[in-house]
Amino acid sequence: MYFLWYLLIGLVAGCIAGLIVRGHGAGFFVNLVVGLVGGLLGGWIVSLFGWIPAGTAATLWTSILGAVILLLIVSLFTRRKPATH
C-alpha cells in the first residue's frame, strides 16, 4: 500500500515542480518519474543537513525540492527551440 502512496506523492511533486520550473506539466509519466527521482534526490540532499523527513507533508516538500533541482539541472543540458509564430 505504501508503494501506491509514494507513487501519488511522486506524481504530485512532479506536477508542482513542473509548474514551478516550466510553467506547465510534462505529462503523467514524465511527472511521475520526475517526482520519484526528485524524491530520492531531495531525500539525499536534506539528509546531508541531518534532517530526515517524517510524515506526508515533509515527504511531499522534500520530493518537490528534489524535483525542482532535477528539472533545473536537466534544463542546463537541454535546449529549447524558439517559438515560431
Protein backbone atom coordinates (compact mmCIF):
# COMPACT_ATOMS: atom_id res chain seq x y z
CA MET A 1 0.00 0.00 0.00
CA TYR A 2 2.88 2.35 0.73
CA PHE A 3 4.11 1.90 -2.84
CA LEU A 4 0.91 3.47 -4.18
CA TRP A 5 1.25 6.32 -1.70
CA TYR A 6 4.80 7.01 -2.89
CA LEU A 7 3.61 6.99 -6.50
CA LEU A 8 0.90 9.51 -5.65
CA ILE A 9 3.34 11.77 -3.80
CA GLY A 10 5.79 11.49 -6.70
CA LEU A 11 3.11 12.40 -9.22
CA VAL A 12 2.00 15.45 -7.23
CA ALA A 13 5.61 16.53 -6.63
CA GLY A 14 6.42 16.18 -10.34
CA CYS A 15 3.38 18.24 -11.33
CA ILE A 16 4.16 21.00 -8.84
CA ALA A 17 7.85 21.06 -9.81
CA GLY A 18 6.89 21.29 -13.49
CA LEU A 19 4.65 24.25 -12.71
CA ILE A 20 7.40 25.96 -10.74
CA VAL A 21 10.21 25.45 -13.26
CA ARG A 22 8.48 25.31 -16.63
CA GLY A 23 5.08 26.84 -16.01
CA HIS A 24 3.31 23.64 -17.13
CA GLY A 25 3.40 19.92 -16.51
CA ALA A 26 5.02 17.43 -18.87
CA GLY A 27 2.51 14.58 -18.87
CA PHE A 28 1.53 11.82 -16.49
CA PHE A 29 4.54 9.50 -16.80
CA VAL A 30 7.17 12.24 -17.04
CA ASN A 31 5.73 13.99 -13.97
CA LEU A 32 5.69 10.66 -12.13
CA VAL A 33 9.33 9.87 -12.96
CA VAL A 34 10.47 13.42 -12.17
CA GLY A 35 8.66 13.29 -8.84
CA LEU A 36 10.02 9.88 -7.87
CA VAL A 37 13.61 10.67 -8.85
CA GLY A 38 13.21 14.10 -7.27
CA GLY A 39 12.09 12.41 -4.06
CA LEU A 40 15.27 10.38 -3.97
CA LEU A 41 17.39 13.43 -4.79
CA GLY A 42 15.58 15.61 -2.26
CA GLY A 43 15.86 12.95 0.44
CA TRP A 44 19.57 12.65 -0.18
CA ILE A 45 20.07 16.43 -0.12
CA VAL A 46 18.19 17.03 3.13
CA SER A 47 19.93 14.06 4.77
CA LEU A 48 23.23 15.86 4.16
CA PHE A 49 21.94 18.52 6.55
CA GLY A 50 20.94 15.91 9.14
CA TRP A 51 17.20 16.16 8.53
CA ILE A 52 15.07 13.12 7.83
CA PRO A 53 11.59 13.96 6.53
CA ALA A 54 8.85 12.29 8.54
CA GLY A 55 5.22 12.43 7.57
CA THR A 56 3.37 13.06 4.36
CA ALA A 57 3.86 16.84 4.22
CA ALA A 58 7.61 16.63 4.82
CA THR A 59 7.95 13.88 2.23
CA LEU A 60 5.99 15.93 -0.30
CA TRP A 61 8.09 19.07 0.27
CA THR A 62 11.30 17.06 0.06
CA SER A 63 10.14 15.49 -3.21
CA ILE A 64 9.18 18.88 -4.63
CA LEU A 65 12.59 20.30 -3.66
CA GLY A 66 14.40 17.41 -5.33
CA ALA A 67 12.19 17.53 -8.44
CA VAL A 68 12.76 21.28 -8.88
CA ILE A 69 16.51 20.78 -8.55
CA LEU A 70 16.36 17.89 -11.02
CA LEU A 71 14.43 19.95 -13.58
CA LEU A 72 16.85 22.86 -13.19
CA ILE A 73 19.82 20.52 -13.78
CA VAL A 74 18.12 18.98 -16.83
CA SER A 75 17.35 22.44 -18.23
CA LEU A 76 21.07 23.26 -18.15
CA PHE A 77 21.76 20.44 -20.61
CA THR A 78 18.76 20.79 -22.90
CA ARG A 79 17.93 23.47 -25.39
CA ARG A 80 14.56 24.91 -26.09
CA LYS A 81 13.54 25.70 -29.60
CA PRO A 82 12.40 29.28 -30.04
CA ALA A 83 8.69 29.57 -30.62
CA THR A 84 7.76 30.44 -34.19
CA HIS A 85 4.56 32.29 -34.91
